Amino acid sequence: MEEIAENGESIASMLYGANETINLGSMRYTIFCKKLATNNKYILPEVLPPSSDATKWHSLRVYHQVQTWKELDLNAEEWG
């Protein structure tokens, strides 16, 4: 499960333009600070990358869904 979560976070980082070594949380904070410096309006959470926890649970749900399509029976309560 940890490997799936780590790989999901790496993929999410790359989707937002970072290399895989940057922590998603610090990237989220950096983007928030840049938007705060350039905007004088409220910053919507939708314009920021997802948090590490959100990405972890999303990755586990995706893994569970793929395994279900492959007809492998996993306990849904353990996979987000």
C-alpha atoms as a PDB file:
ATOM      1  CA  MET A   1       0.000   0.000   0.000  1.00  0.00           C
ATOM      2  CA  GLU A   2       2.825   2.407   0.805  1.00  0.00           C
ATOM      3  CA  GLU A   3       4.452   1.812  -2.576  1.00  0.00           C
ATOM      4  CA  ILE A   4       1.171   2.587  -4.352  1.00  0.00           C
ATOM      5  CA  ALA A   5       0.754   5.784  -2.311  1.00  0.00           C
ATOM      6  CA  GLU A   6       4.337   6.906  -3.012  1.00  0.00           C
ATOM      7  CA  ASN A   7       4.017   6.248  -6.738  1.00  0.00           C
ATOM      8  CA  GLY A   8       0.682   8.071  -6.824  1.00  0.00           C
ATOM      9  CA  GLU A   9       2.269  11.107  -5.189  1.00  0.00           C
ATOM     10  CA  SER A  10       5.169  11.027  -7.666  1.00  0.00           C
ATOM     11  CA  ILE A  11       2.764  10.912 -10.603  1.00  0.00           C
ATOM     12  CA  ALA A  12       0.671  13.757  -9.192  1.00  0.00           C
ATOM     13  CA  SER A  13       3.829  15.867  -8.731  1.00  0.00           C
ATOM     14  CA  MET A  14       4.846  15.276 -12.325  1.00  0.00           C
ATOM     15  CA  LEU A  15       1.345  16.165 -13.554  1.00  0.00           C
ATOM     16  CA  TYR A  16       1.733  19.545 -11.852  1.00  0.00           C
ATOM     17  CA  GLY A  17       5.122  20.152 -13.473  1.00  0.00           C
ATOM     18  CA  ALA A  18       7.567  19.041 -10.786  1.00  0.00           C
ATOM     19  CA  ASN A  19      10.067  16.246 -10.828  1.00  0.00           C
ATOM     20  CA  GLU A  20       9.328  13.188  -8.720  1.00  0.00           C
ATOM     21  CA  THR A  21      11.674  14.183  -5.883  1.00  0.00           C
ATOM     22  CA  ILE A  22       9.586  17.184  -4.794  1.00  0.00           C
ATOM     23  CA  ASN A  23       7.127  16.585  -1.959  1.00  0.00           C
ATOM     24  CA  LEU A  24       3.546  17.301  -3.001  1.00  0.00           C
ATOM     25  CA  GLY A  25       2.865  19.206   0.220  1.00  0.00           C
ATOM     26  CA  SER A  26       5.769  21.607  -0.282  1.00  0.00           C
ATOM     27  CA  MET A  27       4.812  22.071  -3.921  1.00  0.00           C
ATOM     28  CA  ARG A  28       1.245  22.895  -2.846  1.00  0.00           C
ATOM     29  CA  TYR A  29       2.576  25.469  -0.379  1.00  0.00           C
ATOM     30  CA  THR A  30       4.888  27.042  -2.981  1.00  0.00           C
ATOM     31  CA  ILE A  31       2.062  27.371  -5.511  1.00  0.00           C
ATOM     32  CA  PHE A  32      -0.189  28.836  -2.811  1.00  0.00           C
ATOM     33  CA  CYS A  33       2.452  31.456  -1.933  1.00  0.00           C
ATOM     34  CA  LYS A  34       2.937  32.405  -5.606  1.00  0.00           C
ATOM     35  CA  LYS A  35      -0.800  32.802  -6.108  1.00  0.00           C
ATOM     36  CA  LEU A  36      -1.089  34.780  -2.884  1.00  0.00           C
ATOM     37  CA  ALA A  37       1.631  37.180  -4.026  1.00  0.00           C
ATOM     38  CA  THR A  38       0.029  37.797  -7.432  1.00  0.00           C
ATOM     39  CA  ASN A  39      -3.681  37.798  -6.509  1.00  0.00           C
ATOM     40  CA  ASN A  40      -5.664  40.080  -4.304  1.00  0.00           C
ATOM     41  CA  LYS A  41      -8.671  37.758  -4.262  1.00  0.00           C
ATOM     42  CA  TYR A  42      -9.485  34.623  -2.324  1.00  0.00           C
ATOM     43  CA  ILE A  43      -7.488  31.606  -3.553  1.00  0.00           C
ATOM     44  CA  LEU A  44      -9.731  28.645  -4.314  1.00  0.00           C
ATOM     45  CA  PRO A  45      -8.467  25.230  -3.177  1.00  0.00           C
ATOM     46  CA  GLU A  46      -9.363  23.801  -6.597  1.00  0.00           C
ATOM     47  CA  VAL A  47      -6.477  25.675  -8.222  1.00  0.00           C
ATOM     48  CA  LEU A  48      -3.899  24.037  -5.940  1.00  0.00           C
ATOM     49  CA  PRO A  49      -2.446  20.546  -6.312  1.00  0.00           C
ATOM     50  CA  PRO A  50      -4.080  17.895  -4.132  1.00  0.00           C
ATOM     51  CA  SER A  51      -2.677  17.222  -0.671  1.00  0.00           C
ATOM     52  CA  SER A  52      -0.511  14.184   0.008  1.00  0.00           C
ATOM     53  CA  ASP A  53      -3.305  12.494   1.945  1.00  0.00           C
ATOM     54  CA  ALA A  54      -5.863  13.099  -0.799  1.00  0.00           C
ATOM     55  CA  THR A  55      -3.442  11.701  -3.368  1.00  0.00           C
ATOM     56  CA  LYS A  56      -2.721   8.643  -1.209  1.00  0.00           C
ATOM     57  CA  TRP A  57      -6.381   7.704  -0.852  1.00  0.00           C
ATOM     58  CA  HIS A  58      -7.091   8.428  -4.502  1.00  0.00           C
ATOM     59  CA  SER A  59      -4.215   6.158  -5.554  1.00  0.00           C
ATOM     60  CA  LEU A  60      -5.484   3.346  -3.341  1.00  0.00           C
ATOM     61  CA  ARG A  61      -9.016   3.677  -4.757  1.00  0.00           C
ATOM     62  CA  VAL A  62      -7.646   3.610  -8.312  1.00  0.00           C
ATOM     63  CA  TYR A  63      -5.601   0.503  -7.527  1.00  0.00           C
ATOM     64  CA  HIS A  64      -8.668  -1.188  -6.042  1.00  0.00           C
ATOM     65  CA  GLN A  65     -10.755  -0.288  -9.099  1.00  0.00           C
ATOM     66  CA  VAL A  66      -8.169  -1.702 -11.509  1.00  0.00           C
ATOM     67  CA  GLN A  67      -7.923  -4.912  -9.494  1.00  0.00           C
ATOM     68  CA  THR A  68     -11.730  -5.184  -9.543  1.00  0.00           C
ATOM     69  CA  TRP A  69     -11.706  -4.859 -13.337  1.00  0.00           C
ATOM     70  CA  LYS A  70      -9.110  -7.641 -13.427  1.00  0.00           C
ATOM     71  CA  GLU A  71     -11.571  -9.699 -11.347  1.00  0.00           C
ATOM     72  CA  LEU A  72      -9.362  -9.853  -8.257  1.00  0.00           C
ATOM     73  CA  ASP A  73     -11.389  -9.588  -5.078  1.00  0.00           C
ATOM     74  CA  LEU A  74      -9.911  -7.091  -2.588  1.00  0.00           C
ATOM     75  CA  ASN A  75     -11.556  -5.782   0.563  1.00  0.00           C
ATOM     76  CA  ALA A  76     -12.830  -2.310  -0.388  1.00  0.00           C
ATOM     77  CA  GLU A  77     -12.586  -1.016   3.184  1.00  0.00           C
ATOM     78  CA  GLU A  78      -8.803  -1.443   3.134  1.00  0.00           C
ATOM     79  CA  TRP A  79      -8.306   0.389  -0.166  1.00  0.00           C
ATOM     80  CA  GLY A  80      -9.813   3.824   0.475  1.00  0.00           C
END
